[in-house]
Amino acid sequence: AQQTQPGEKKATLLLDFIEQTVEDWLPLRPEVTLIRSYQRTSGALNSNHPFSKIKITCDQTLTQALSNLLNNAANASPNSIDLDIQVDADFANIIITDKGNGIPDEIANNSTILSPLNESERGGKGMGLGLFLSNAAIHRHGGTLLLRNKIGDPLNGGSKNQCDGAEVTMRVPIVPFQQSHS
């Protein structure tokens, strides 16, 4: 994917955006195993891949937002994190899941709390400025940031009263097919 300047939005293939961001991010966090679920469920990445022609409008701030969200997940779950993509008619959902202790209740239960508090105000657990900036960048692109804690599945050895990590969804609009190929 070509680098863009801050504020310079351009239509970019969704997979190029994700793969380039991950390629730039992984060397910074070599201890983390990143599981790309979208590759596992949809087959090898090629010109016939279901996501191969989908475009989003992005700039450098959206790239930084994805990097910040990957870092937050890696901080919570340094062994492995999961990255998945789901697409509906209007939006691409980039889903990052970790196996950490979850998102603090004051953040997970109240989206208006996405303000730049310093770490000491959050008990030294982070989730401050990076999450605020990510949310702002995603919002500027017409998207939303969704946060939720994953509750254990008793059928898979979890407890329904125990948090099994966090799921963060970066939901960004896709470029309508006619516009992206004109």
C-alpha atoms as a PDB file:
ATOM      1  CA  ALA A   1       0.000   0.000   0.000  1.00  0.00           C
ATOM      2  CA  GLN A   2       1.228   3.466  -0.770  1.00  0.00           C
ATOM      3  CA  GLN A   3       1.917   5.760   2.130  1.00  0.00           C
ATOM      4  CA  THR A   4      -0.349   8.770   2.377  1.00  0.00           C
ATOM      5  CA  GLN A   5       0.189  12.030   4.179  1.00  0.00           C
ATOM      6  CA  PRO A   6      -1.905  12.902   7.250  1.00  0.00           C
ATOM      7  CA  GLY A   7      -5.250  14.164   6.039  1.00  0.00           C
ATOM      8  CA  GLU A   8      -4.698  12.889   2.479  1.00  0.00           C
ATOM      9  CA  LYS A   9      -7.427  10.281   2.132  1.00  0.00           C
ATOM     10  CA  LYS A  10      -7.365   7.871  -0.763  1.00  0.00           C
ATOM     11  CA  ALA A  11      -9.217   4.714  -1.759  1.00  0.00           C
ATOM     12  CA  THR A  12      -7.053   1.714  -0.875  1.00  0.00           C
ATOM     13  CA  LEU A  13      -7.673  -1.999  -1.106  1.00  0.00           C
ATOM     14  CA  LEU A  14      -8.763  -3.239   2.323  1.00  0.00           C
ATOM     15  CA  LEU A  15      -6.322  -6.147   2.285  1.00  0.00           C
ATOM     16  CA  ASP A  16      -3.428  -3.918   1.199  1.00  0.00           C
ATOM     17  CA  PHE A  17      -4.222  -1.543   4.070  1.00  0.00           C
ATOM     18  CA  ILE A  18      -4.307  -4.368   6.620  1.00  0.00           C
ATOM     19  CA  GLU A  19      -1.342  -6.337   5.290  1.00  0.00           C
ATOM     20  CA  GLN A  20       0.908  -3.258   4.958  1.00  0.00           C
ATOM     21  CA  THR A  21       0.004  -2.066   8.453  1.00  0.00           C
ATOM     22  CA  VAL A  22       0.661  -5.531   9.896  1.00  0.00           C
ATOM     23  CA  GLU A  23       3.918  -5.856   7.943  1.00  0.00           C
ATOM     24  CA  ASP A  24       5.113  -2.537   9.405  1.00  0.00           C
ATOM     25  CA  TRP A  25       3.854  -3.383  12.921  1.00  0.00           C
ATOM     26  CA  LEU A  26       5.044  -6.989  13.395  1.00  0.00           C
ATOM     27  CA  PRO A  27       8.808  -6.213  13.555  1.00  0.00           C
ATOM     28  CA  LEU A  28       8.042  -3.844  16.431  1.00  0.00           C
ATOM     29  CA  ARG A  29       6.349  -6.670  18.385  1.00  0.00           C
ATOM     30  CA  PRO A  30       8.242  -9.861  17.415  1.00  0.00           C
ATOM     31  CA  GLU A  31       7.099 -11.642  20.587  1.00  0.00           C
ATOM     32  CA  VAL A  32       3.473 -11.611  19.427  1.00  0.00           C
ATOM     33  CA  THR A  33       1.932 -14.326  17.299  1.00  0.00           C
ATOM     34  CA  LEU A  34      -0.666 -12.695  15.083  1.00  0.00           C
ATOM     35  CA  ILE A  35      -3.329 -15.115  13.895  1.00  0.00           C
ATOM     36  CA  ARG A  36      -4.969 -13.875  10.704  1.00  0.00           C
ATOM     37  CA  SER A  37      -8.348 -15.596  10.915  1.00  0.00           C
ATOM     38  CA  TYR A  38      -9.526 -14.137   7.629  1.00  0.00           C
ATOM     39  CA  GLN A  39      -6.826 -16.144   5.836  1.00  0.00           C
ATOM     40  CA  ARG A  40      -7.798 -19.341   7.616  1.00  0.00           C
ATOM     41  CA  THR A  41     -11.529 -19.031   6.948  1.00  0.00           C
ATOM     42  CA  SER A  42     -11.381 -17.631   3.424  1.00  0.00           C
ATOM     43  CA  GLY A  43      -8.403 -19.387   1.923  1.00  0.00           C
ATOM     44  CA  ALA A  44      -5.169 -18.015   0.553  1.00  0.00           C
ATOM     45  CA  LEU A  45      -4.976 -14.371  -0.388  1.00  0.00           C
ATOM     46  CA  ASN A  46      -5.242 -14.109  -4.154  1.00  0.00           C
ATOM     47  CA  SER A  47      -7.213 -12.237  -6.806  1.00  0.00           C
ATOM     48  CA  ASN A  48     -10.241 -14.463  -6.110  1.00  0.00           C
ATOM     49  CA  HIS A  49     -10.207 -13.803  -2.352  1.00  0.00           C
ATOM     50  CA  PRO A  50     -13.577 -12.423  -1.188  1.00  0.00           C
ATOM     51  CA  PHE A  51     -11.909  -9.281   0.157  1.00  0.00           C
ATOM     52  CA  SER A  52      -9.498  -8.723  -2.751  1.00  0.00           C
ATOM     53  CA  LYS A  53     -11.487  -5.960  -4.479  1.00  0.00           C
ATOM     54  CA  ILE A  54     -12.955  -4.174  -1.458  1.00  0.00           C
ATOM     55  CA  LYS A  55     -11.611  -0.675  -0.891  1.00  0.00           C
ATOM     56  CA  ILE A  56     -11.730   1.712   2.035  1.00  0.00           C
ATOM     57  CA  THR A  57     -10.779   5.362   2.183  1.00  0.00           C
ATOM     58  CA  CYS A  58      -7.798   5.844   4.447  1.00  0.00           C
ATOM     59  CA  ASP A  59      -4.818   7.965   5.317  1.00  0.00           C
ATOM     60  CA  GLN A  60      -1.854   7.738   7.665  1.00  0.00           C
ATOM     61  CA  THR A  61      -4.043   8.381  10.726  1.00  0.00           C
ATOM     62  CA  LEU A  62      -6.142   5.274  10.023  1.00  0.00           C
ATOM     63  CA  THR A  63      -2.957   3.226   9.649  1.00  0.00           C
ATOM     64  CA  GLN A  64      -1.788   4.561  13.022  1.00  0.00           C
ATOM     65  CA  ALA A  65      -5.190   3.751  14.534  1.00  0.00           C
ATOM     66  CA  LEU A  66      -4.884   0.099  13.495  1.00  0.00           C
ATOM     67  CA  SER A  67      -1.308  -0.032  14.825  1.00  0.00           C
ATOM     68  CA  ASN A  68      -2.455   1.432  18.155  1.00  0.00           C
ATOM     69  CA  LEU A  69      -5.229  -1.149  18.458  1.00  0.00           C
ATOM     70  CA  LEU A  70      -2.808  -3.975  17.649  1.00  0.00           C
ATOM     71  CA  ASN A  71      -0.423  -2.623  20.307  1.00  0.00           C
ATOM     72  CA  ASN A  72      -3.169  -2.473  22.933  1.00  0.00           C
ATOM     73  CA  ALA A  73      -4.099  -6.090  22.203  1.00  0.00           C
ATOM     74  CA  ALA A  74      -0.445  -7.173  22.272  1.00  0.00           C
ATOM     75  CA  ASN A  75       0.078  -5.425  25.611  1.00  0.00           C
ATOM     76  CA  ALA A  76      -2.883  -7.331  27.066  1.00  0.00           C
ATOM     77  CA  SER A  77      -2.048 -10.646  25.424  1.00  0.00           C
ATOM     78  CA  PRO A  78       1.644 -10.795  24.480  1.00  0.00           C
ATOM     79  CA  ASN A  79       1.583 -14.423  23.330  1.00  0.00           C
ATOM     80  CA  SER A  80      -1.045 -14.134  20.622  1.00  0.00           C
ATOM     81  CA  ILE A  81      -3.775 -11.943  19.228  1.00  0.00           C
ATOM     82  CA  ASP A  82      -6.338 -12.619  16.527  1.00  0.00           C
ATOM     83  CA  LEU A  83      -7.091 -10.403  13.533  1.00  0.00           C
ATOM     84  CA  ASP A  84     -10.219 -10.993  11.486  1.00  0.00           C
ATOM     85  CA  ILE A  85     -12.240  -9.193   8.814  1.00  0.00           C
ATOM     86  CA  GLN A  86     -15.961  -9.233   8.270  1.00  0.00           C
ATOM     87  CA  VAL A  87     -17.640  -7.215   5.554  1.00  0.00           C
ATOM     88  CA  ASP A  88     -21.274  -6.266   5.168  1.00  0.00           C
ATOM     89  CA  ALA A  89     -22.938  -4.159   2.467  1.00  0.00           C
ATOM     90  CA  ASP A  90     -21.491  -0.845   3.690  1.00  0.00           C
ATOM     91  CA  PHE A  91     -18.716  -1.504   6.214  1.00  0.00           C
ATOM     92  CA  ALA A  92     -15.511  -3.430   6.723  1.00  0.00           C
ATOM     93  CA  ASN A  93     -15.109  -4.684  10.283  1.00  0.00           C
ATOM     94  CA  ILE A  94     -11.492  -5.210  11.300  1.00  0.00           C
ATOM     95  CA  ILE A  95     -11.696  -7.264  14.491  1.00  0.00           C
ATOM     96  CA  ILE A  96      -8.800  -7.615  16.925  1.00  0.00           C
ATOM     97  CA  THR A  97      -9.203 -10.106  19.762  1.00  0.00           C
ATOM     98  CA  ASP A  98      -6.833 -10.674  22.655  1.00  0.00           C
ATOM     99  CA  LYS A  99      -6.756 -13.127  25.542  1.00  0.00           C
ATOM    100  CA  GLY A 100      -5.994 -10.585  28.256  1.00  0.00           C
ATOM    101  CA  ASN A 101      -8.013  -9.411  31.240  1.00  0.00           C
ATOM    102  CA  GLY A 102     -10.499  -7.435  29.173  1.00  0.00           C
ATOM    103  CA  ILE A 103     -11.326  -3.775  28.862  1.00  0.00           C
ATOM    104  CA  PRO A 104     -11.936  -1.834  32.086  1.00  0.00           C
ATOM    105  CA  ASP A 105     -15.666  -1.491  32.760  1.00  0.00           C
ATOM    106  CA  GLU A 106     -15.604   2.315  32.632  1.00  0.00           C
ATOM    107  CA  ILE A 107     -14.380   2.100  29.034  1.00  0.00           C
ATOM    108  CA  ALA A 108     -16.276  -0.969  27.818  1.00  0.00           C
ATOM    109  CA  ASN A 109     -19.639   0.174  29.220  1.00  0.00           C
ATOM    110  CA  ASN A 110     -19.471   3.822  28.192  1.00  0.00           C
ATOM    111  CA  SER A 111     -18.200   4.806  24.753  1.00  0.00           C
ATOM    112  CA  THR A 112     -18.114   8.473  25.781  1.00  0.00           C
ATOM    113  CA  ILE A 113     -15.227   7.645  28.113  1.00  0.00           C
ATOM    114  CA  LEU A 114     -12.939   7.532  25.060  1.00  0.00           C
ATOM    115  CA  SER A 115     -11.082  10.602  26.212  1.00  0.00           C
ATOM    116  CA  PRO A 116      -7.334  11.087  26.594  1.00  0.00           C
ATOM    117  CA  LEU A 117      -6.848  10.296  30.271  1.00  0.00           C
ATOM    118  CA  ASN A 118      -3.343   9.585  31.372  1.00  0.00           C
ATOM    119  CA  GLU A 119      -2.359   6.122  32.578  1.00  0.00           C
ATOM    120  CA  SER A 120      -2.344   7.092  36.250  1.00  0.00           C
ATOM    121  CA  GLU A 121      -6.014   8.065  35.966  1.00  0.00           C
ATOM    122  CA  ARG A 122      -6.723   4.546  34.671  1.00  0.00           C
ATOM    123  CA  GLY A 123      -4.670   2.826  37.334  1.00  0.00           C
ATOM    124  CA  GLY A 124      -1.549   2.513  35.151  1.00  0.00           C
ATOM    125  CA  LYS A 125      -3.248   0.149  32.705  1.00  0.00           C
ATOM    126  CA  GLY A 126      -2.920   2.290  29.576  1.00  0.00           C
ATOM    127  CA  MET A 127      -5.900   2.490  27.197  1.00  0.00           C
ATOM    128  CA  GLY A 128      -5.678   6.258  27.232  1.00  0.00           C
ATOM    129  CA  LEU A 129      -4.305   8.505  24.524  1.00  0.00           C
ATOM    130  CA  GLY A 130      -3.721   5.803  21.875  1.00  0.00           C
ATOM    131  CA  LEU A 131      -7.296   4.575  22.122  1.00  0.00           C
ATOM    132  CA  PHE A 132      -8.612   8.148  22.059  1.00  0.00           C
ATOM    133  CA  LEU A 133      -6.578   8.989  18.938  1.00  0.00           C
ATOM    134  CA  SER A 134      -7.599   5.740  17.235  1.00  0.00           C
ATOM    135  CA  ASN A 135     -11.251   6.466  17.921  1.00  0.00           C
ATOM    136  CA  ALA A 136     -10.883  10.014  16.556  1.00  0.00           C
ATOM    137  CA  ALA A 137      -9.179   8.823  13.339  1.00  0.00           C
ATOM    138  CA  ILE A 138     -11.770   6.101  12.750  1.00  0.00           C
ATOM    139  CA  HIS A 139     -14.578   8.578  13.390  1.00  0.00           C
ATOM    140  CA  ARG A 140     -13.046  11.078  10.886  1.00  0.00           C
ATOM    141  CA  HIS A 141     -13.229   8.325   8.275  1.00  0.00           C
ATOM    142  CA  GLY A 142     -16.948   7.797   8.923  1.00  0.00           C
ATOM    143  CA  GLY A 143     -16.408   4.732  11.066  1.00  0.00           C
ATOM    144  CA  THR A 144     -16.841   3.619  14.634  1.00  0.00           C
ATOM    145  CA  LEU A 145     -14.757   1.849  17.243  1.00  0.00           C
ATOM    146  CA  LEU A 146     -16.581  -0.905  19.118  1.00  0.00           C
ATOM    147  CA  LEU A 147     -15.208  -2.330  22.360  1.00  0.00           C
ATOM    148  CA  ARG A 148     -16.424  -5.391  24.224  1.00  0.00           C
ATOM    149  CA  ASN A 149     -15.200  -7.988  26.644  1.00  0.00           C
ATOM    150  CA  LYS A 150     -15.449 -11.601  25.597  1.00  0.00           C
ATOM    151  CA  ILE A 151     -17.178 -13.694  28.225  1.00  0.00           C
ATOM    152  CA  GLY A 152     -16.098 -17.311  28.606  1.00  0.00           C
ATOM    153  CA  ASP A 153     -17.815 -20.120  26.766  1.00  0.00           C
ATOM    154  CA  PRO A 154     -18.407 -23.038  29.158  1.00  0.00           C
ATOM    155  CA  LEU A 155     -18.451 -25.423  26.162  1.00  0.00           C
ATOM    156  CA  ASN A 156     -14.843 -24.461  25.405  1.00  0.00           C
ATOM    157  CA  GLY A 157     -13.542 -24.675  28.968  1.00  0.00           C
ATOM    158  CA  GLY A 158     -14.380 -21.094  29.963  1.00  0.00           C
ATOM    159  CA  SER A 159     -16.619 -19.729  32.658  1.00  0.00           C
ATOM    160  CA  LYS A 160     -19.646 -17.685  31.683  1.00  0.00           C
ATOM    161  CA  ASN A 161     -18.764 -15.293  34.519  1.00  0.00           C
ATOM    162  CA  GLN A 162     -15.138 -14.856  33.509  1.00  0.00           C
ATOM    163  CA  CYS A 163     -13.660 -12.490  30.933  1.00  0.00           C
ATOM    164  CA  ASP A 164     -11.699 -14.239  28.195  1.00  0.00           C
ATOM    165  CA  GLY A 165     -10.162 -11.101  26.706  1.00  0.00           C
ATOM    166  CA  ALA A 166     -11.227  -8.115  24.687  1.00  0.00           C
ATOM    167  CA  GLU A 167     -12.606  -7.695  21.204  1.00  0.00           C
ATOM    168  CA  VAL A 168     -12.061  -4.373  19.462  1.00  0.00           C
ATOM    169  CA  THR A 169     -13.780  -3.727  16.145  1.00  0.00           C
ATOM    170  CA  MET A 170     -12.619  -1.001  13.812  1.00  0.00           C
ATOM    171  CA  ARG A 171     -15.687  -0.449  11.620  1.00  0.00           C
ATOM    172  CA  VAL A 172     -14.956   1.651   8.510  1.00  0.00           C
ATOM    173  CA  PRO A 173     -17.102   2.355   5.445  1.00  0.00           C
ATOM    174  CA  ILE A 174     -16.224   0.596   2.230  1.00  0.00           C
ATOM    175  CA  VAL A 175     -15.969   2.501  -1.028  1.00  0.00           C
ATOM    176  CA  PRO A 176     -18.967   1.589  -3.219  1.00  0.00           C
ATOM    177  CA  PHE A 177     -17.773  -0.712  -5.993  1.00  0.00           C
ATOM    178  CA  GLN A 178     -18.720   1.696  -8.813  1.00  0.00           C
ATOM    179  CA  GLN A 179     -16.710   4.535  -7.220  1.00  0.00           C
ATOM    180  CA  SER A 180     -13.686   2.388  -6.463  1.00  0.00           C
ATOM    181  CA  HIS A 181     -13.258   1.253 -10.075  1.00  0.00           C
ATOM    182  CA  SER A 182     -13.975   4.421 -12.040  1.00  0.00           C
END
